[in-house]
Amino acid sequence: MSSASAALPQPGRTKAFLRLVMIEHSVFALPFAYIASLTAMFAWDRNIHWGRLLLVTVCMVGLRTFAMAVNRIIDREIDARNPRTAHRELVTGTMSVRHAWTGALIAVVVFLAAAALLNPLCLALAPIAVIPMVVYPYGKRFTDFPQAILGLAQAMGPIGGWLAISGEWNWKAVVLGLAVGIWIGGFDLIYACQDVETDREIGVRSVPARFGIPAAIWGARVCHTVTTALLVWYAVATGAGTFFWLGLVVVAAAFVYEHTIVRPHDLSRLNRAFFSVNGFIGIALFVCALLDLLVRGLSV
């Protein structure tokens, strides 16, 4: 093999990186950033600004890709000791650490560049948004509440989406951000329940590992109740119409279903609750919010 051909990217390397960062899970956070962005556009001039919406998308995907890659890099030794995660790319060697770092750095540069194209405030705050993304994977090493750090990281999506359009702080975006952060922190409590025994054995800290699965499930129920209340507050604060309220009814029903199929002594349908139900919640509320804004006068 010549040196020139050796320098070419190996086939499948990009695909391995996309698997590493689970790019399809952007569906959890993107809809709420869109809700915030479109609501800010409605308040601004009632027009959809597609260029800004594209930049918001690039920011969200770029930052989330960086966060997931860094998470996998930092956790690779822990992942190797957990049978559930031992198949991940950095453990099996499908992806090297060097290439994972390369992908992470490209993603964060793309994020910062998109933030710079939005407005000066977004660029100034962008480095701050990176901090919890790096701190989170270390959280399970020093606190029993790493989900709180994850929630803080995820709360930045809607806040950033509003800032991208208005260029200034708005407390309504903070309410939506808190709703999203508490929602994601809550379902991560459920997700962590499947690793309780392994986490206790290898010293990984979490609410389920410290307080038990029943406590984590009840904690998730409280989180999702608070999430629903915050979404109601956001709806009232933004003068939402019938379609948004319909979306909230759908979200509340999905939460009830999620907590019906996941019980402290039956985690067999955990993946359905985590991936299917939570993915549905984000998409359903976004569709209802978009319809509501269009009916109220948002122009395409």
C-alpha atoms as a PDB file:
ATOM      1  CA  MET A   1       0.000   0.000   0.000  1.00  0.00           C
ATOM      2  CA  SER A   2       1.408   3.389  -0.970  1.00  0.00           C
ATOM      3  CA  SER A   3       1.803   6.204   1.522  1.00  0.00           C
ATOM      4  CA  ALA A   4      -0.726   8.243  -0.477  1.00  0.00           C
ATOM      5  CA  SER A   5      -3.404   5.574  -0.231  1.00  0.00           C
ATOM      6  CA  ALA A   6      -2.635   4.992   3.426  1.00  0.00           C
ATOM      7  CA  ALA A   7      -3.360   8.640   4.118  1.00  0.00           C
ATOM      8  CA  LEU A   8      -6.837   8.393   2.635  1.00  0.00           C
ATOM      9  CA  PRO A   9      -9.737   8.004   5.086  1.00  0.00           C
ATOM     10  CA  GLN A  10     -10.648   4.380   5.605  1.00  0.00           C
ATOM     11  CA  PRO A  11     -14.056   3.348   4.245  1.00  0.00           C
ATOM     12  CA  GLY A  12     -16.627   3.273   7.012  1.00  0.00           C
ATOM     13  CA  ARG A  13     -14.735   5.575   9.381  1.00  0.00           C
ATOM     14  CA  THR A  14     -17.364   8.302   9.119  1.00  0.00           C
ATOM     15  CA  LYS A  15     -20.120   5.749   9.605  1.00  0.00           C
ATOM     16  CA  ALA A  16     -18.340   4.420  12.706  1.00  0.00           C
ATOM     17  CA  PHE A  17     -18.092   7.937  14.127  1.00  0.00           C
ATOM     18  CA  LEU A  18     -21.789   8.569  13.501  1.00  0.00           C
ATOM     19  CA  ARG A  19     -22.575   5.330  15.322  1.00  0.00           C
ATOM     20  CA  LEU A  20     -20.251   6.381  18.122  1.00  0.00           C
ATOM     21  CA  VAL A  21     -22.126   9.646  18.710  1.00  0.00           C
ATOM     22  CA  MET A  22     -25.571   8.108  17.976  1.00  0.00           C
ATOM     23  CA  ILE A  23     -26.370  10.950  15.595  1.00  0.00           C
ATOM     24  CA  GLU A  24     -30.006   9.845  15.267  1.00  0.00           C
ATOM     25  CA  HIS A  25     -30.609  10.778  18.919  1.00  0.00           C
ATOM     26  CA  SER A  26     -30.467  14.443  17.962  1.00  0.00           C
ATOM     27  CA  VAL A  27     -34.232  13.996  17.681  1.00  0.00           C
ATOM     28  CA  PHE A  28     -34.486  14.367  21.469  1.00  0.00           C
ATOM     29  CA  ALA A  29     -33.169  17.924  21.695  1.00  0.00           C
ATOM     30  CA  LEU A  30     -33.645  19.463  18.232  1.00  0.00           C
ATOM     31  CA  PRO A  31     -37.463  19.800  18.338  1.00  0.00           C
ATOM     32  CA  PHE A  32     -37.317  21.975  21.456  1.00  0.00           C
ATOM     33  CA  ALA A  33     -34.639  24.236  20.002  1.00  0.00           C
ATOM     34  CA  TYR A  34     -36.911  24.629  16.972  1.00  0.00           C
ATOM     35  CA  ILE A  35     -39.904  25.442  19.179  1.00  0.00           C
ATOM     36  CA  ALA A  36     -37.903  28.184  20.914  1.00  0.00           C
ATOM     37  CA  SER A  37     -36.497  29.536  17.640  1.00  0.00           C
ATOM     38  CA  LEU A  38     -39.848  29.612  15.860  1.00  0.00           C
ATOM     39  CA  THR A  39     -41.584  31.200  18.845  1.00  0.00           C
ATOM     40  CA  ALA A  40     -38.889  33.887  18.890  1.00  0.00           C
ATOM     41  CA  MET A  41     -39.406  34.447  15.158  1.00  0.00           C
ATOM     42  CA  PHE A  42     -43.149  34.751  15.742  1.00  0.00           C
ATOM     43  CA  ALA A  43     -42.525  37.379  18.426  1.00  0.00           C
ATOM     44  CA  TRP A  44     -40.002  39.189  16.207  1.00  0.00           C
ATOM     45  CA  ASP A  45     -41.708  39.604  12.819  1.00  0.00           C
ATOM     46  CA  ARG A  46     -43.899  36.499  12.331  1.00  0.00           C
ATOM     47  CA  ASN A  47     -41.679  35.157   9.543  1.00  0.00           C
ATOM     48  CA  ILE A  48     -39.638  31.955   9.423  1.00  0.00           C
ATOM     49  CA  HIS A  49     -35.988  32.831   8.780  1.00  0.00           C
ATOM     50  CA  TRP A  50     -34.710  29.646   7.174  1.00  0.00           C
ATOM     51  CA  GLY A  51     -31.055  30.652   7.209  1.00  0.00           C
ATOM     52  CA  ARG A  52     -31.092  31.217  10.959  1.00  0.00           C
ATOM     53  CA  LEU A  53     -33.008  27.985  11.487  1.00  0.00           C
ATOM     54  CA  LEU A  54     -30.328  26.146   9.524  1.00  0.00           C
ATOM     55  CA  LEU A  55     -27.616  27.689  11.703  1.00  0.00           C
ATOM     56  CA  VAL A  56     -29.522  26.657  14.828  1.00  0.00           C
ATOM     57  CA  THR A  57     -29.605  23.106  13.462  1.00  0.00           C
ATOM     58  CA  VAL A  58     -25.850  23.165  12.786  1.00  0.00           C
ATOM     59  CA  CYS A  59     -25.189  24.513  16.294  1.00  0.00           C
ATOM     60  CA  MET A  60     -27.332  21.872  17.967  1.00  0.00           C
ATOM     61  CA  VAL A  61     -25.985  18.917  15.998  1.00  0.00           C
ATOM     62  CA  GLY A  62     -22.396  20.175  16.254  1.00  0.00           C
ATOM     63  CA  LEU A  63     -22.485  20.652  20.018  1.00  0.00           C
ATOM     64  CA  ARG A  64     -24.323  17.399  20.661  1.00  0.00           C
ATOM     65  CA  THR A  65     -21.862  15.500  18.428  1.00  0.00           C
ATOM     66  CA  PHE A  66     -18.950  16.988  20.354  1.00  0.00           C
ATOM     67  CA  ALA A  67     -20.590  16.110  23.669  1.00  0.00           C
ATOM     68  CA  MET A  68     -21.283  12.507  22.707  1.00  0.00           C
ATOM     69  CA  ALA A  69     -17.804  11.967  21.293  1.00  0.00           C
ATOM     70  CA  VAL A  70     -16.140  13.378  24.415  1.00  0.00           C
ATOM     71  CA  ASN A  71     -18.462  11.276  26.570  1.00  0.00           C
ATOM     72  CA  ARG A  72     -17.461   8.111  24.757  1.00  0.00           C
ATOM     73  CA  ILE A  73     -13.751   8.992  24.895  1.00  0.00           C
ATOM     74  CA  ILE A  74     -13.756   9.748  28.631  1.00  0.00           C
ATOM     75  CA  ASP A  75     -15.936   6.726  29.463  1.00  0.00           C
ATOM     76  CA  ARG A  76     -14.215   4.157  27.259  1.00  0.00           C
ATOM     77  CA  GLU A  77     -12.626   2.273  30.196  1.00  0.00           C
ATOM     78  CA  ILE A  78     -15.921   2.217  32.083  1.00  0.00           C
ATOM     79  CA  ASP A  79     -17.697   1.081  28.912  1.00  0.00           C
ATOM     80  CA  ALA A  80     -15.234  -1.796  28.540  1.00  0.00           C
ATOM     81  CA  ARG A  81     -16.197  -3.098  32.000  1.00  0.00           C
ATOM     82  CA  ASN A  82     -19.930  -2.963  31.371  1.00  0.00           C
ATOM     83  CA  PRO A  83     -21.369  -5.848  29.289  1.00  0.00           C
ATOM     84  CA  ARG A  84     -24.092  -3.546  27.908  1.00  0.00           C
ATOM     85  CA  THR A  85     -21.569  -1.058  26.513  1.00  0.00           C
ATOM     86  CA  ALA A  86     -18.613  -3.323  25.753  1.00  0.00           C
ATOM     87  CA  HIS A  87     -19.551  -3.319  22.052  1.00  0.00           C
ATOM     88  CA  ARG A  88     -19.049   0.437  21.633  1.00  0.00           C
ATOM     89  CA  GLU A  89     -16.651   1.541  18.926  1.00  0.00           C
ATOM     90  CA  LEU A  90     -13.829   2.804  21.157  1.00  0.00           C
ATOM     91  CA  VAL A  91     -13.913  -0.425  23.165  1.00  0.00           C
ATOM     92  CA  THR A  92     -13.870  -2.791  20.200  1.00  0.00           C
ATOM     93  CA  GLY A  93     -11.336  -0.732  18.247  1.00  0.00           C
ATOM     94  CA  THR A  94     -13.717   0.058  15.379  1.00  0.00           C
ATOM     95  CA  MET A  95     -12.854   3.712  16.052  1.00  0.00           C
ATOM     96  CA  SER A  96      -9.533   4.922  17.452  1.00  0.00           C
ATOM     97  CA  VAL A  97      -9.327   7.521  20.200  1.00  0.00           C
ATOM     98  CA  ARG A  98      -7.362   9.802  17.885  1.00  0.00           C
ATOM     99  CA  HIS A  99     -10.059   9.735  15.239  1.00  0.00           C
ATOM    100  CA  ALA A 100     -12.785  10.213  17.850  1.00  0.00           C
ATOM    101  CA  TRP A 101     -10.980  13.334  19.098  1.00  0.00           C
ATOM    102  CA  THR A 102     -10.624  14.544  15.513  1.00  0.00           C
ATOM    103  CA  GLY A 103     -14.361  14.208  14.981  1.00  0.00           C
ATOM    104  CA  ALA A 104     -15.099  15.903  18.308  1.00  0.00           C
ATOM    105  CA  LEU A 105     -12.853  18.870  17.520  1.00  0.00           C
ATOM    106  CA  ILE A 106     -14.348  19.283  14.045  1.00  0.00           C
ATOM    107  CA  ALA A 107     -17.830  19.231  15.593  1.00  0.00           C
ATOM    108  CA  VAL A 108     -17.021  21.899  18.189  1.00  0.00           C
ATOM    109  CA  VAL A 109     -15.374  24.134  15.569  1.00  0.00           C
ATOM    110  CA  VAL A 110     -18.484  23.818  13.399  1.00  0.00           C
ATOM    111  CA  PHE A 111     -20.610  24.711  16.446  1.00  0.00           C
ATOM    112  CA  LEU A 112     -18.537  27.806  17.242  1.00  0.00           C
ATOM    113  CA  ALA A 113     -18.523  28.918  13.591  1.00  0.00           C
ATOM    114  CA  ALA A 114     -22.302  28.622  13.339  1.00  0.00           C
ATOM    115  CA  ALA A 115     -22.707  30.532  16.630  1.00  0.00           C
ATOM    116  CA  ALA A 116     -20.475  33.294  15.259  1.00  0.00           C
ATOM    117  CA  LEU A 117     -22.681  33.582  12.169  1.00  0.00           C
ATOM    118  CA  LEU A 118     -25.800  33.991  14.318  1.00  0.00           C
ATOM    119  CA  ASN A 119     -24.960  36.980  16.519  1.00  0.00           C
ATOM    120  CA  PRO A 120     -22.250  38.266  18.920  1.00  0.00           C
ATOM    121  CA  LEU A 121     -24.080  37.079  22.059  1.00  0.00           C
ATOM    122  CA  CYS A 122     -24.323  33.515  20.758  1.00  0.00           C
ATOM    123  CA  LEU A 123     -20.596  33.518  20.022  1.00  0.00           C
ATOM    124  CA  ALA A 124     -19.755  34.971  23.439  1.00  0.00           C
ATOM    125  CA  LEU A 125     -21.846  32.351  25.250  1.00  0.00           C
ATOM    126  CA  ALA A 126     -20.912  29.393  23.032  1.00  0.00           C
ATOM    127  CA  PRO A 127     -17.774  28.417  25.016  1.00  0.00           C
ATOM    128  CA  ILE A 128     -19.873  28.382  28.206  1.00  0.00           C
ATOM    129  CA  ALA A 129     -22.251  25.896  26.585  1.00  0.00           C
ATOM    130  CA  VAL A 130     -19.317  23.548  25.982  1.00  0.00           C
ATOM    131  CA  ILE A 131     -18.403  23.307  29.685  1.00  0.00           C
ATOM    132  CA  PRO A 132     -21.212  21.032  30.966  1.00  0.00           C
ATOM    133  CA  MET A 133     -20.713  18.799  27.932  1.00  0.00           C
ATOM    134  CA  VAL A 134     -17.201  18.025  29.155  1.00  0.00           C
ATOM    135  CA  VAL A 135     -18.074  17.952  32.864  1.00  0.00           C
ATOM    136  CA  TYR A 136     -20.999  15.521  32.489  1.00  0.00           C
ATOM    137  CA  PRO A 137     -19.009  12.333  31.765  1.00  0.00           C
ATOM    138  CA  TYR A 138     -16.868  13.042  34.831  1.00  0.00           C
ATOM    139  CA  GLY A 139     -20.000  13.597  36.925  1.00  0.00           C
ATOM    140  CA  LYS A 140     -20.565   9.903  37.532  1.00  0.00           C
ATOM    141  CA  ARG A 141     -17.147   9.839  39.204  1.00  0.00           C
ATOM    142  CA  PHE A 142     -17.794  12.519  41.847  1.00  0.00           C
ATOM    143  CA  THR A 143     -21.563  12.870  42.373  1.00  0.00           C
ATOM    144  CA  ASP A 144     -24.593  10.630  42.789  1.00  0.00           C
ATOM    145  CA  PHE A 145     -26.551  13.087  40.624  1.00  0.00           C
ATOM    146  CA  PRO A 146     -24.852  13.166  37.203  1.00  0.00           C
ATOM    147  CA  GLN A 147     -28.315  13.450  35.623  1.00  0.00           C
ATOM    148  CA  ALA A 148     -28.515  16.990  37.012  1.00  0.00           C
ATOM    149  CA  ILE A 149     -25.437  17.932  34.977  1.00  0.00           C
ATOM    150  CA  LEU A 150     -26.952  16.296  31.897  1.00  0.00           C
ATOM    151  CA  GLY A 151     -30.155  18.249  32.458  1.00  0.00           C
ATOM    152  CA  LEU A 152     -28.216  21.512  32.676  1.00  0.00           C
ATOM    153  CA  ALA A 153     -26.432  20.710  29.427  1.00  0.00           C
ATOM    154  CA  GLN A 154     -29.685  19.895  27.634  1.00  0.00           C
ATOM    155  CA  ALA A 155     -31.456  22.989  28.967  1.00  0.00           C
ATOM    156  CA  MET A 156     -29.138  25.126  26.869  1.00  0.00           C
ATOM    157  CA  GLY A 157     -30.717  23.980  23.603  1.00  0.00           C
ATOM    158  CA  PRO A 158     -33.988  25.950  23.770  1.00  0.00           C
ATOM    159  CA  ILE A 159     -32.281  28.910  25.433  1.00  0.00           C
ATOM    160  CA  GLY A 160     -29.698  28.987  22.660  1.00  0.00           C
ATOM    161  CA  GLY A 161     -32.409  28.597  20.026  1.00  0.00           C
ATOM    162  CA  TRP A 162     -34.174  31.719  21.298  1.00  0.00           C
ATOM    163  CA  LEU A 163     -30.910  33.672  21.627  1.00  0.00           C
ATOM    164  CA  ALA A 164     -30.037  32.748  18.042  1.00  0.00           C
ATOM    165  CA  ILE A 165     -33.087  34.638  16.805  1.00  0.00           C
ATOM    166  CA  SER A 166     -33.532  37.502  19.257  1.00  0.00           C
ATOM    167  CA  GLY A 167     -29.920  38.128  20.271  1.00  0.00           C
ATOM    168  CA  GLU A 168     -31.050  38.738  23.855  1.00  0.00           C
ATOM    169  CA  TRP A 169     -32.103  36.833  26.974  1.00  0.00           C
ATOM    170  CA  ASN A 170     -35.764  35.913  27.435  1.00  0.00           C
ATOM    171  CA  TRP A 171     -37.119  34.234  30.570  1.00  0.00           C
ATOM    172  CA  LYS A 172     -39.672  32.295  28.534  1.00  0.00           C
ATOM    173  CA  ALA A 173     -36.823  30.444  26.824  1.00  0.00           C
ATOM    174  CA  VAL A 174     -35.373  29.639  30.250  1.00  0.00           C
ATOM    175  CA  VAL A 175     -38.701  28.070  31.273  1.00  0.00           C
ATOM    176  CA  LEU A 176     -38.676  25.895  28.146  1.00  0.00           C
ATOM    177  CA  GLY A 177     -34.997  25.084  28.713  1.00  0.00           C
ATOM    178  CA  LEU A 178     -35.693  23.961  32.288  1.00  0.00           C
ATOM    179  CA  ALA A 179     -38.573  21.810  31.039  1.00  0.00           C
ATOM    180  CA  VAL A 180     -36.292  20.076  28.536  1.00  0.00           C
ATOM    181  CA  GLY A 181     -33.415  19.678  31.006  1.00  0.00           C
ATOM    182  CA  ILE A 182     -35.630  18.155  33.702  1.00  0.00           C
ATOM    183  CA  TRP A 183     -37.363  15.938  31.138  1.00  0.00           C
ATOM    184  CA  ILE A 184     -34.086  14.518  29.815  1.00  0.00           C
ATOM    185  CA  GLY A 185     -32.588  14.230  33.295  1.00  0.00           C
ATOM    186  CA  GLY A 186     -35.708  12.314  34.308  1.00  0.00           C
ATOM    187  CA  PHE A 187     -35.587   9.755  31.547  1.00  0.00           C
ATOM    188  CA  ASP A 188     -31.839   9.343  32.086  1.00  0.00           C
ATOM    189  CA  LEU A 189     -32.729   8.286  35.642  1.00  0.00           C
ATOM    190  CA  ILE A 190     -34.788   5.509  34.089  1.00  0.00           C
ATOM    191  CA  TYR A 191     -32.062   4.599  31.591  1.00  0.00           C
ATOM    192  CA  ALA A 192     -29.432   4.326  34.339  1.00  0.00           C
ATOM    193  CA  CYS A 193     -31.514   1.696  36.138  1.00  0.00           C
ATOM    194  CA  GLN A 194     -30.323  -1.034  33.767  1.00  0.00           C
ATOM    195  CA  ASP A 195     -26.706  -0.621  34.919  1.00  0.00           C
ATOM    196  CA  VAL A 196     -27.221  -0.614  38.694  1.00  0.00           C
ATOM    197  CA  GLU A 197     -25.344  -3.814  39.535  1.00  0.00           C
ATOM    198  CA  THR A 198     -22.444  -3.074  37.188  1.00  0.00           C
ATOM    199  CA  ASP A 199     -22.209   0.532  38.355  1.00  0.00           C
ATOM    200  CA  ARG A 200     -22.015  -0.524  41.993  1.00  0.00           C
ATOM    201  CA  GLU A 201     -19.381  -3.117  41.160  1.00  0.00           C
ATOM    202  CA  ILE A 202     -17.072  -0.750  39.260  1.00  0.00           C
ATOM    203  CA  GLY A 203     -17.755   2.378  41.306  1.00  0.00           C
ATOM    204  CA  VAL A 204     -19.854   4.414  38.872  1.00  0.00           C
ATOM    205  CA  ARG A 205     -22.123   6.800  40.741  1.00  0.00           C
ATOM    206  CA  SER A 206     -25.769   7.525  39.920  1.00  0.00           C
ATOM    207  CA  VAL A 207     -29.134   7.901  41.615  1.00  0.00           C
ATOM    208  CA  PRO A 208     -30.150   4.254  40.959  1.00  0.00           C
ATOM    209  CA  ALA A 209     -26.762   2.958  42.136  1.00  0.00           C
ATOM    210  CA  ARG A 210     -26.890   5.041  45.329  1.00  0.00           C
ATOM    211  CA  PHE A 211     -30.576   5.011  46.227  1.00  0.00           C
ATOM    212  CA  GLY A 212     -31.954   2.028  44.319  1.00  0.00           C
ATOM    213  CA  ILE A 213     -34.171   1.507  41.282  1.00  0.00           C
ATOM    214  CA  PRO A 214     -37.515   2.318  42.971  1.00  0.00           C
ATOM    215  CA  ALA A 215     -36.164   5.699  44.121  1.00  0.00           C
ATOM    216  CA  ALA A 216     -34.874   6.446  40.610  1.00  0.00           C
ATOM    217  CA  ILE A 217     -38.214   5.563  39.014  1.00  0.00           C
ATOM    218  CA  TRP A 218     -40.070   7.781  41.457  1.00  0.00           C
ATOM    219  CA  GLY A 219     -37.518  10.527  40.849  1.00  0.00           C
ATOM    220  CA  ALA A 220     -38.199  10.272  37.109  1.00  0.00           C
ATOM    221  CA  ARG A 221     -41.938  10.531  37.749  1.00  0.00           C
ATOM    222  CA  VAL A 222     -41.397  13.698  39.762  1.00  0.00           C
ATOM    223  CA  CYS A 223     -39.150  15.108  37.013  1.00  0.00           C
ATOM    224  CA  HIS A 224     -41.749  14.469  34.332  1.00  0.00           C
ATOM    225  CA  THR A 225     -44.506  15.972  36.451  1.00  0.00           C
ATOM    226  CA  VAL A 226     -42.390  19.103  36.863  1.00  0.00           C
ATOM    227  CA  THR A 227     -41.641  19.062  33.123  1.00  0.00           C
ATOM    228  CA  THR A 228     -45.351  19.051  32.336  1.00  0.00           C
ATOM    229  CA  ALA A 229     -45.934  21.953  34.731  1.00  0.00           C
ATOM    230  CA  LEU A 230     -43.127  23.970  33.136  1.00  0.00           C
ATOM    231  CA  LEU A 231     -44.501  23.314  29.654  1.00  0.00           C
ATOM    232  CA  VAL A 232     -47.889  24.570  30.837  1.00  0.00           C
ATOM    233  CA  TRP A 233     -46.163  27.690  32.202  1.00  0.00           C
ATOM    234  CA  TYR A 234     -44.405  28.179  28.857  1.00  0.00           C
ATOM    235  CA  ALA A 235     -47.706  27.802  26.991  1.00  0.00           C
ATOM    236  CA  VAL A 236     -49.372  30.431  29.179  1.00  0.00           C
ATOM    237  CA  ALA A 237     -46.393  32.799  28.968  1.00  0.00           C
ATOM    238  CA  THR A 238     -46.253  32.652  25.165  1.00  0.00           C
ATOM    239  CA  GLY A 239     -50.004  32.852  24.639  1.00  0.00           C
ATOM    240  CA  ALA A 240     -50.100  29.432  23.002  1.00  0.00           C
ATOM    241  CA  GLY A 241     -53.206  28.363  21.141  1.00  0.00           C
ATOM    242  CA  THR A 242     -55.263  25.211  20.800  1.00  0.00           C
ATOM    243  CA  PHE A 243     -52.730  23.102  18.908  1.00  0.00           C
ATOM    244  CA  PHE A 244     -49.963  23.665  21.460  1.00  0.00           C
ATOM    245  CA  TRP A 245     -52.318  22.740  24.286  1.00  0.00           C
ATOM    246  CA  LEU A 246     -53.274  19.628  22.343  1.00  0.00           C
ATOM    247  CA  GLY A 247     -49.564  18.827  22.138  1.00  0.00           C
ATOM    248  CA  LEU A 248     -49.284  19.129  25.912  1.00  0.00           C
ATOM    249  CA  VAL A 249     -52.125  16.649  26.341  1.00  0.00           C
ATOM    250  CA  VAL A 250     -50.258  14.236  24.039  1.00  0.00           C
ATOM    251  CA  VAL A 251     -47.026  14.748  26.022  1.00  0.00           C
ATOM    252  CA  ALA A 252     -48.775  14.152  29.348  1.00  0.00           C
ATOM    253  CA  ALA A 253     -50.357  10.964  27.975  1.00  0.00           C
ATOM    254  CA  ALA A 254     -46.948   9.790  26.711  1.00  0.00           C
ATOM    255  CA  PHE A 255     -45.433  10.364  30.146  1.00  0.00           C
ATOM    256  CA  VAL A 256     -48.214   8.321  31.756  1.00  0.00           C
ATOM    257  CA  TYR A 257     -47.636   5.526  29.230  1.00  0.00           C
ATOM    258  CA  GLU A 258     -43.871   5.647  29.774  1.00  0.00           C
ATOM    259  CA  HIS A 259     -44.236   5.222  33.515  1.00  0.00           C
ATOM    260  CA  THR A 260     -46.821   2.490  33.039  1.00  0.00           C
ATOM    261  CA  ILE A 261     -44.488   0.267  31.024  1.00  0.00           C
ATOM    262  CA  VAL A 262     -41.413   0.847  33.220  1.00  0.00           C
ATOM    263  CA  ARG A 263     -41.696  -0.355  36.795  1.00  0.00           C
ATOM    264  CA  PRO A 264     -39.067  -0.817  39.534  1.00  0.00           C
ATOM    265  CA  HIS A 265     -39.234  -4.611  39.203  1.00  0.00           C
ATOM    266  CA  ASP A 266     -39.833  -4.772  35.453  1.00  0.00           C
ATOM    267  CA  LEU A 267     -37.338  -3.017  33.170  1.00  0.00           C
ATOM    268  CA  SER A 268     -37.997  -5.273  30.182  1.00  0.00           C
ATOM    269  CA  ARG A 269     -39.551  -2.422  28.173  1.00  0.00           C
ATOM    270  CA  LEU A 270     -37.037   0.218  29.213  1.00  0.00           C
ATOM    271  CA  ASN A 271     -35.638   0.694  25.722  1.00  0.00           C
ATOM    272  CA  ARG A 272     -39.133   1.304  24.348  1.00  0.00           C
ATOM    273  CA  ALA A 273     -39.678   3.960  27.000  1.00  0.00           C
ATOM    274  CA  PHE A 274     -36.282   5.562  26.460  1.00  0.00           C
ATOM    275  CA  PHE A 275     -36.009   5.616  22.692  1.00  0.00           C
ATOM    276  CA  SER A 276     -39.505   5.320  21.229  1.00  0.00           C
ATOM    277  CA  VAL A 277     -41.615   7.250  23.738  1.00  0.00           C
ATOM    278  CA  ASN A 278     -39.152  10.072  24.336  1.00  0.00           C
ATOM    279  CA  GLY A 279     -38.448  10.466  20.638  1.00  0.00           C
ATOM    280  CA  PHE A 280     -42.200  10.643  20.036  1.00  0.00           C
ATOM    281  CA  ILE A 281     -42.631  13.307  22.757  1.00  0.00           C
ATOM    282  CA  GLY A 282     -40.200  15.724  21.122  1.00  0.00           C
ATOM    283  CA  ILE A 283     -41.547  15.285  17.596  1.00  0.00           C
ATOM    284  CA  ALA A 284     -45.220  15.406  18.658  1.00  0.00           C
ATOM    285  CA  LEU A 285     -44.831  18.620  20.650  1.00  0.00           C
ATOM    286  CA  PHE A 286     -42.822  20.254  17.853  1.00  0.00           C
ATOM    287  CA  VAL A 287     -45.472  19.418  15.234  1.00  0.00           C
ATOM    288  CA  CYS A 288     -48.223  20.772  17.473  1.00  0.00           C
ATOM    289  CA  ALA A 289     -46.210  23.902  18.304  1.00  0.00           C
ATOM    290  CA  LEU A 290     -45.482  24.534  14.619  1.00  0.00           C
ATOM    291  CA  LEU A 291     -49.135  24.105  13.665  1.00  0.00           C
ATOM    292  CA  ASP A 292     -50.124  26.445  16.473  1.00  0.00           C
ATOM    293  CA  LEU A 293     -47.721  29.171  15.332  1.00  0.00           C
ATOM    294  CA  LEU A 294     -48.807  28.803  11.694  1.00  0.00           C
ATOM    295  CA  VAL A 295     -52.484  29.086  12.657  1.00  0.00           C
ATOM    296  CA  ARG A 296     -51.686  32.158  14.765  1.00  0.00           C
ATOM    297  CA  GLY A 297     -49.972  33.882  11.842  1.00  0.00           C
ATOM    298  CA  LEU A 298     -46.388  32.654  11.464  1.00  0.00           C
ATOM    299  CA  SER A 299     -45.488  33.065   7.800  1.00  0.00           C
ATOM    300  CA  VAL A 300     -43.451  30.512   5.906  1.00  0.00           C
END
